[in-house]
C-alpha atoms as a PDB file:
ATOM      1  CA  UNK A   1      -0.361  -0.046   0.039  1.00  0.00           C
ATOM      2  CA  UNK A   2       1.292   3.335  -1.000  1.00  0.00           C
ATOM      3  CA  UNK A   3       1.737   5.874   1.565  1.00  0.00           C
ATOM      4  CA  UNK A   4       0.355   9.240   0.241  1.00  0.00           C
ATOM      5  CA  UNK A   5       1.853  11.355   2.848  1.00  0.00           C
ATOM      6  CA  UNK A   6       5.026  10.704   1.686  1.00  0.00           C
ATOM      7  CA  UNK A   7       5.148  10.167  -1.649  1.00  0.00           C
ATOM      8  CA  UNK A   8       7.218  12.670  -3.918  1.00  0.00           C
ATOM      9  CA  UNK A   9       5.055  14.905  -5.891  1.00  0.00           C
ATOM     10  CA  UNK A  10       4.415  14.453  -9.297  1.00  0.00           C
ATOM     11  CA  UNK A  11       6.358  16.649 -12.121  1.00  0.00           C
ATOM     12  CA  UNK A  12       4.775  19.490 -13.469  1.00  0.00           C
ATOM     13  CA  UNK A  13       3.427  18.194 -16.586  1.00  0.00           C
ATOM     14  CA  UNK A  14       4.217  20.099 -19.832  1.00  0.00           C
ATOM     15  CA  UNK A  15       2.821  23.448 -21.016  1.00  0.00           C
ATOM     16  CA  UNK A  16       1.657  23.809 -24.047  1.00  0.00           C
ATOM     17  CA  UNK A  17       1.712  27.749 -25.641  1.00  0.00           C
ATOM     18  CA  UNK A  18       0.151  28.289 -29.178  1.00  0.00           C
ATOM     19  CA  UNK A  19       2.025  30.627 -31.227  1.00  0.00           C
ATOM     20  CA  UNK A  20      -1.151  32.618 -31.828  1.00  0.00           C
ATOM     21  CA  UNK A  21      -3.047  35.528 -29.629  1.00  0.00           C
ATOM     22  CA  UNK A  22      -4.479  34.064 -26.398  1.00  0.00           C
ATOM     23  CA  UNK A  23      -8.259  34.012 -27.049  1.00  0.00           C
ATOM     24  CA  UNK A  24     -10.838  36.098 -25.025  1.00  0.00           C
ATOM     25  CA  UNK A  25     -13.119  32.679 -24.512  1.00  0.00           C
ATOM     26  CA  UNK A  26     -11.611  29.860 -23.698  1.00  0.00           C
ATOM     27  CA  UNK A  27     -14.195  27.209 -24.026  1.00  0.00           C
ATOM     28  CA  UNK A  28     -16.997  28.358 -26.974  1.00  0.00           C
ATOM     29  CA  UNK A  29     -20.127  26.938 -26.306  1.00  0.00           C
ATOM     30  CA  UNK A  30     -23.881  27.143 -27.133  1.00  0.00           C
ATOM     31  CA  UNK A  31     -27.133  25.356 -25.759  1.00  0.00           C
ATOM     32  CA  UNK A  32     -28.566  22.863 -28.158  1.00  0.00           C
ATOM     33  CA  UNK A  33     -32.680  23.455 -28.243  1.00  0.00           C
ATOM     34  CA  UNK A  34     -32.558  19.563 -27.433  1.00  0.00           C
ATOM     35  CA  UNK A  35     -30.763  16.275 -28.169  1.00  0.00           C
ATOM     36  CA  UNK A  36     -32.010  13.113 -29.842  1.00  0.00           C
ATOM     37  CA  UNK A  37     -30.522  10.066 -29.293  1.00  0.00           C
ATOM     38  CA  UNK A  38     -29.800   7.270 -31.994  1.00  0.00           C
ATOM     39  CA  UNK A  39     -28.283   3.903 -32.436  1.00  0.00           C
ATOM     40  CA  UNK A  40     -26.532   3.219 -35.530  1.00  0.00           C
ATOM     41  CA  UNK A  41     -24.869  -0.185 -37.407  1.00  0.00           C
ATOM     42  CA  UNK A  42     -22.427   1.706 -39.605  1.00  0.00           C
ATOM     43  CA  UNK A  43     -23.029  -0.254 -43.363  1.00  0.00           C
ATOM     44  CA  UNK A  44     -20.318  -2.812 -43.677  1.00  0.00           C
ATOM     45  CA  UNK A  45     -17.900  -1.916 -46.952  1.00  0.00           C
ATOM     46  CA  UNK A  46     -18.585   1.622 -46.723  1.00  0.00           C
ATOM     47  CA  UNK A  47     -16.222   4.028 -45.701  1.00  0.00           C
ATOM     48  CA  UNK A  48     -16.621   5.951 -41.950  1.00  0.00           C
ATOM     49  CA  UNK A  49     -17.750   8.946 -43.250  1.00  0.00           C
ATOM     50  CA  UNK A  50     -20.238   7.817 -45.823  1.00  0.00           C
ATOM     51  CA  UNK A  51     -21.788   4.872 -43.120  1.00  0.00           C
ATOM     52  CA  UNK A  52     -22.214   8.066 -40.537  1.00  0.00           C
ATOM     53  CA  UNK A  53     -23.078  10.963 -42.441  1.00  0.00           C
ATOM     54  CA  UNK A  54     -25.833   9.555 -44.723  1.00  0.00           C
ATOM     55  CA  UNK A  55     -28.516   7.917 -42.018  1.00  0.00           C
ATOM     56  CA  UNK A  56     -28.006  10.982 -39.855  1.00  0.00           C
ATOM     57  CA  UNK A  57     -28.969  13.636 -42.337  1.00  0.00           C
ATOM     58  CA  UNK A  58     -31.985  11.043 -43.228  1.00  0.00           C
ATOM     59  CA  UNK A  59     -32.698  11.528 -39.451  1.00  0.00           C
ATOM     60  CA  UNK A  60     -32.548  15.506 -40.359  1.00  0.00           C
ATOM     61  CA  UNK A  61     -29.485  15.464 -37.846  1.00  0.00           C
ATOM     62  CA  UNK A  62     -26.587  17.939 -39.012  1.00  0.00           C
ATOM     63  CA  UNK A  63     -24.879  18.307 -35.846  1.00  0.00           C
ATOM     64  CA  UNK A  64     -23.709  15.361 -33.356  1.00  0.00           C
ATOM     65  CA  UNK A  65     -21.702  14.062 -31.005  1.00  0.00           C
ATOM     66  CA  UNK A  66     -21.004  10.046 -31.286  1.00  0.00           C
ATOM     67  CA  UNK A  67     -19.464   7.037 -29.972  1.00  0.00           C
ATOM     68  CA  UNK A  68     -18.179   4.353 -31.880  1.00  0.00           C
ATOM     69  CA  UNK A  69     -18.271   0.929 -29.784  1.00  0.00           C
ATOM     70  CA  UNK A  70     -15.969  -1.106 -31.571  1.00  0.00           C
ATOM     71  CA  UNK A  71     -15.721  -3.274 -34.897  1.00  0.00           C
ATOM     72  CA  UNK A  72     -13.812  -4.342 -37.745  1.00  0.00           C
ATOM     73  CA  UNK A  73     -12.189  -2.267 -40.217  1.00  0.00           C
ATOM     74  CA  UNK A  74     -11.095  -3.934 -43.667  1.00  0.00           C
ATOM     75  CA  UNK A  75      -8.853  -0.270 -43.989  1.00  0.00           C
ATOM     76  CA  UNK A  76      -8.114   2.150 -41.344  1.00  0.00           C
ATOM     77  CA  UNK A  77      -6.165   5.075 -41.932  1.00  0.00           C
ATOM     78  CA  UNK A  78      -5.275   7.122 -39.499  1.00  0.00           C
ATOM     79  CA  UNK A  79      -2.670  10.291 -38.484  1.00  0.00           C
ATOM     80  CA  UNK A  80      -1.155  11.325 -35.167  1.00  0.00           C
ATOM     81  CA  UNK A  81      -0.013  15.034 -33.813  1.00  0.00           C
ATOM     82  CA  UNK A  82       3.528  15.134 -33.078  1.00  0.00           C
ATOM     83  CA  UNK A  83       5.191  18.587 -32.273  1.00  0.00           C
ATOM     84  CA  UNK A  84       5.308  20.586 -35.450  1.00  0.00           C
ATOM     85  CA  UNK A  85       8.876  21.339 -35.646  1.00  0.00           C
ATOM     86  CA  UNK A  86       8.338  24.611 -37.533  1.00  0.00           C
ATOM     87  CA  UNK A  87       6.898  26.318 -34.755  1.00  0.00           C
ATOM     88  CA  UNK A  88       3.903  27.478 -36.892  1.00  0.00           C
ATOM     89  CA  UNK A  89       1.739  25.478 -34.514  1.00  0.00           C
ATOM     90  CA  UNK A  90       2.074  23.292 -31.413  1.00  0.00           C
ATOM     91  CA  UNK A  91       1.332  19.837 -33.341  1.00  0.00           C
ATOM     92  CA  UNK A  92       0.578  19.115 -36.713  1.00  0.00           C
ATOM     93  CA  UNK A  93      -0.978  16.035 -37.972  1.00  0.00           C
ATOM     94  CA  UNK A  94       1.325  13.542 -39.839  1.00  0.00           C
ATOM     95  CA  UNK A  95       0.434  12.204 -43.320  1.00  0.00           C
ATOM     96  CA  UNK A  96      -2.078   9.370 -42.922  1.00  0.00           C
ATOM     97  CA  UNK A  97      -0.923   5.910 -41.713  1.00  0.00           C
ATOM     98  CA  UNK A  98      -2.043   2.655 -42.975  1.00  0.00           C
ATOM     99  CA  UNK A  99      -2.908   0.594 -40.634  1.00  0.00           C
ATOM    100  CA  UNK A 100      -4.190  -2.167 -42.874  1.00  0.00           C
ATOM    101  CA  UNK A 101      -7.411  -4.446 -41.530  1.00  0.00           C
ATOM    102  CA  UNK A 102      -7.927  -3.173 -37.657  1.00  0.00           C
ATOM    103  CA  UNK A 103     -10.217  -3.962 -34.928  1.00  0.00           C
ATOM    104  CA  UNK A 104     -11.844  -0.593 -33.867  1.00  0.00           C
ATOM    105  CA  UNK A 105     -11.766  -0.733 -30.014  1.00  0.00           C
ATOM    106  CA  UNK A 106     -13.657   2.610 -28.988  1.00  0.00           C
ATOM    107  CA  UNK A 107     -13.971   6.024 -30.487  1.00  0.00           C
ATOM    108  CA  UNK A 108     -15.196   9.782 -30.132  1.00  0.00           C
ATOM    109  CA  UNK A 109     -16.794  11.533 -33.709  1.00  0.00           C
ATOM    110  CA  UNK A 110     -18.312  15.074 -34.197  1.00  0.00           C
ATOM    111  CA  UNK A 111     -20.600  15.640 -36.699  1.00  0.00           C
ATOM    112  CA  UNK A 112     -20.229  19.240 -38.661  1.00  0.00           C
ATOM    113  CA  UNK A 113     -19.651  20.780 -41.361  1.00  0.00           C
ATOM    114  CA  UNK A 114     -16.722  22.308 -43.335  1.00  0.00           C
ATOM    115  CA  UNK A 115     -16.283  25.906 -44.440  1.00  0.00           C
ATOM    116  CA  UNK A 116     -18.289  25.274 -47.616  1.00  0.00           C
ATOM    117  CA  UNK A 117     -21.158  23.959 -45.246  1.00  0.00           C
ATOM    118  CA  UNK A 118     -20.689  20.189 -46.449  1.00  0.00           C
ATOM    119  CA  UNK A 119     -20.913  17.609 -43.817  1.00  0.00           C
ATOM    120  CA  UNK A 120     -18.132  16.204 -42.100  1.00  0.00           C
ATOM    121  CA  UNK A 121     -17.044  13.954 -39.596  1.00  0.00           C
ATOM    122  CA  UNK A 122     -14.194  14.299 -37.189  1.00  0.00           C
ATOM    123  CA  UNK A 123     -13.259  11.059 -35.424  1.00  0.00           C
ATOM    124  CA  UNK A 124     -10.089   9.795 -32.765  1.00  0.00           C
ATOM    125  CA  UNK A 125     -10.291   6.507 -32.311  1.00  0.00           C
ATOM    126  CA  UNK A 126      -8.179   3.475 -30.480  1.00  0.00           C
ATOM    127  CA  UNK A 127      -7.585   0.078 -32.413  1.00  0.00           C
ATOM    128  CA  UNK A 128      -5.774  -2.845 -32.547  1.00  0.00           C
ATOM    129  CA  UNK A 129      -3.824  -4.004 -35.970  1.00  0.00           C
ATOM    130  CA  UNK A 130      -3.849  -7.246 -37.156  1.00  0.00           C
ATOM    131  CA  UNK A 131      -0.303  -7.518 -35.794  1.00  0.00           C
ATOM    132  CA  UNK A 132      -1.695  -6.926 -31.932  1.00  0.00           C
ATOM    133  CA  UNK A 133      -0.353  -3.501 -31.682  1.00  0.00           C
ATOM    134  CA  UNK A 134      -2.639  -1.089 -30.054  1.00  0.00           C
ATOM    135  CA  UNK A 135      -2.511   2.389 -31.902  1.00  0.00           C
ATOM    136  CA  UNK A 136      -5.063   5.324 -31.502  1.00  0.00           C
ATOM    137  CA  UNK A 137      -5.116   8.600 -33.325  1.00  0.00           C
ATOM    138  CA  UNK A 138      -6.981  10.821 -35.801  1.00  0.00           C
ATOM    139  CA  UNK A 139      -9.129   8.623 -38.218  1.00  0.00           C
ATOM    140  CA  UNK A 140      -8.756   9.433 -41.774  1.00  0.00           C
ATOM    141  CA  UNK A 141     -12.767   8.635 -42.172  1.00  0.00           C
ATOM    142  CA  UNK A 142     -13.157   9.341 -45.924  1.00  0.00           C
ATOM    143  CA  UNK A 143     -10.540   5.915 -46.506  1.00  0.00           C
ATOM    144  CA  UNK A 144     -11.319   3.669 -43.617  1.00  0.00           C
ATOM    145  CA  UNK A 145     -13.825   1.159 -44.262  1.00  0.00           C
ATOM    146  CA  UNK A 146     -16.421  -0.615 -41.788  1.00  0.00           C
ATOM    147  CA  UNK A 147     -15.828  -4.808 -42.368  1.00  0.00           C
ATOM    148  CA  UNK A 148     -18.541  -5.114 -39.862  1.00  0.00           C
ATOM    149  CA  UNK A 149     -22.046  -3.098 -38.565  1.00  0.00           C
ATOM    150  CA  UNK A 150     -19.853  -0.949 -36.359  1.00  0.00           C
ATOM    151  CA  UNK A 151     -22.380   0.026 -33.420  1.00  0.00           C
ATOM    152  CA  UNK A 152     -22.327   4.072 -32.734  1.00  0.00           C
ATOM    153  CA  UNK A 153     -24.290   5.724 -30.127  1.00  0.00           C
ATOM    154  CA  UNK A 154     -25.418   9.296 -31.599  1.00  0.00           C
ATOM    155  CA  UNK A 155     -26.807  12.412 -29.861  1.00  0.00           C
ATOM    156  CA  UNK A 156     -27.996  15.391 -31.674  1.00  0.00           C
ATOM    157  CA  UNK A 157     -27.194  18.867 -31.288  1.00  0.00           C
ATOM    158  CA  UNK A 158     -30.582  20.292 -32.526  1.00  0.00           C
ATOM    159  CA  UNK A 159     -30.238  23.950 -33.130  1.00  0.00           C
ATOM    160  CA  UNK A 160     -26.439  23.969 -33.236  1.00  0.00           C
ATOM    161  CA  UNK A 161     -24.043  24.223 -36.532  1.00  0.00           C
ATOM    162  CA  UNK A 162     -20.484  22.590 -35.626  1.00  0.00           C
ATOM    163  CA  UNK A 163     -18.442  24.190 -38.589  1.00  0.00           C
ATOM    164  CA  UNK A 164     -14.818  24.063 -39.147  1.00  0.00           C
ATOM    165  CA  UNK A 165     -13.195  27.743 -38.957  1.00  0.00           C
ATOM    166  CA  UNK A 166      -9.363  28.980 -38.541  1.00  0.00           C
ATOM    167  CA  UNK A 167      -8.516  29.821 -35.145  1.00  0.00           C
ATOM    168  CA  UNK A 168      -6.091  32.638 -34.694  1.00  0.00           C
ATOM    169  CA  UNK A 169      -4.342  31.161 -31.339  1.00  0.00           C
ATOM    170  CA  UNK A 170      -3.951  27.633 -32.456  1.00  0.00           C
ATOM    171  CA  UNK A 171      -3.187  28.529 -36.189  1.00  0.00           C
ATOM    172  CA  UNK A 172      -5.247  25.383 -36.729  1.00  0.00           C
ATOM    173  CA  UNK A 173      -8.894  24.877 -38.450  1.00  0.00           C
ATOM    174  CA  UNK A 174     -11.064  23.875 -35.370  1.00  0.00           C
ATOM    175  CA  UNK A 175     -14.802  23.002 -35.511  1.00  0.00           C
ATOM    176  CA  UNK A 176     -16.634  25.783 -33.408  1.00  0.00           C
ATOM    177  CA  UNK A 177     -20.359  25.955 -32.536  1.00  0.00           C
ATOM    178  CA  UNK A 178     -22.987  28.731 -34.265  1.00  0.00           C
ATOM    179  CA  UNK A 179     -26.400  28.734 -33.904  1.00  0.00           C
ATOM    180  CA  UNK A 180     -27.909  26.994 -36.978  1.00  0.00           C
ATOM    181  CA  UNK A 181     -30.080  28.596 -39.316  1.00  0.00           C
ATOM    182  CA  UNK A 182     -33.996  28.474 -38.914  1.00  0.00           C
ATOM    183  CA  UNK A 183     -34.273  26.256 -41.524  1.00  0.00           C
ATOM    184  CA  UNK A 184     -32.012  23.465 -40.013  1.00  0.00           C
ATOM    185  CA  UNK A 185     -33.794  23.302 -36.875  1.00  0.00           C
ATOM    186  CA  UNK A 186     -37.044  21.918 -38.043  1.00  0.00           C
ATOM    187  CA  UNK A 187     -39.064  18.936 -36.337  1.00  0.00           C
ATOM    188  CA  UNK A 188     -38.160  15.641 -37.897  1.00  0.00           C
ATOM    189  CA  UNK A 189     -40.725  12.458 -37.345  1.00  0.00           C
ATOM    190  CA  UNK A 190     -37.834   9.943 -37.651  1.00  0.00           C
ATOM    191  CA  UNK A 191     -36.721   7.623 -34.833  1.00  0.00           C
ATOM    192  CA  UNK A 192     -34.192   4.546 -35.085  1.00  0.00           C
END
């Protein structure tokens, strides 16, 4: 048993300082008008992007938070974010890394839109490669393909638009919350 009264203090975690001016608002947020919950089974043979976006759009969902509960991928590409040696950003995504076939352990994803208003999925996950190595990172959803019906729990963020915009502080494109346009907040009778 550890004696916490005599334990040595932990070292101070590293402090990351972004290159741009510190934003006045530290956590941007919006209140969703409501949140609907859905269970999806991502269709095998499709990219994660298409398998997530199409059923949610059919349900009238334009912004959502999701949990991916495991499954098999016939192809998985991912990126990691090591320190940026140029100093232009604190970190920068690598080129896509081909993991081949892999088993998804767990992931979190967000449905929003890019700067042109097109649907976009941002996903981070942990997975096991076929050689047994466990890895994790940013999943390249438009090139990663579901082999099995991956279960997903989704919560809609009705009344909110999540949109990628350039951030002055981090010098990175970030998904930010905005009030959704009135026509995007219509009631939908769909349920799953």
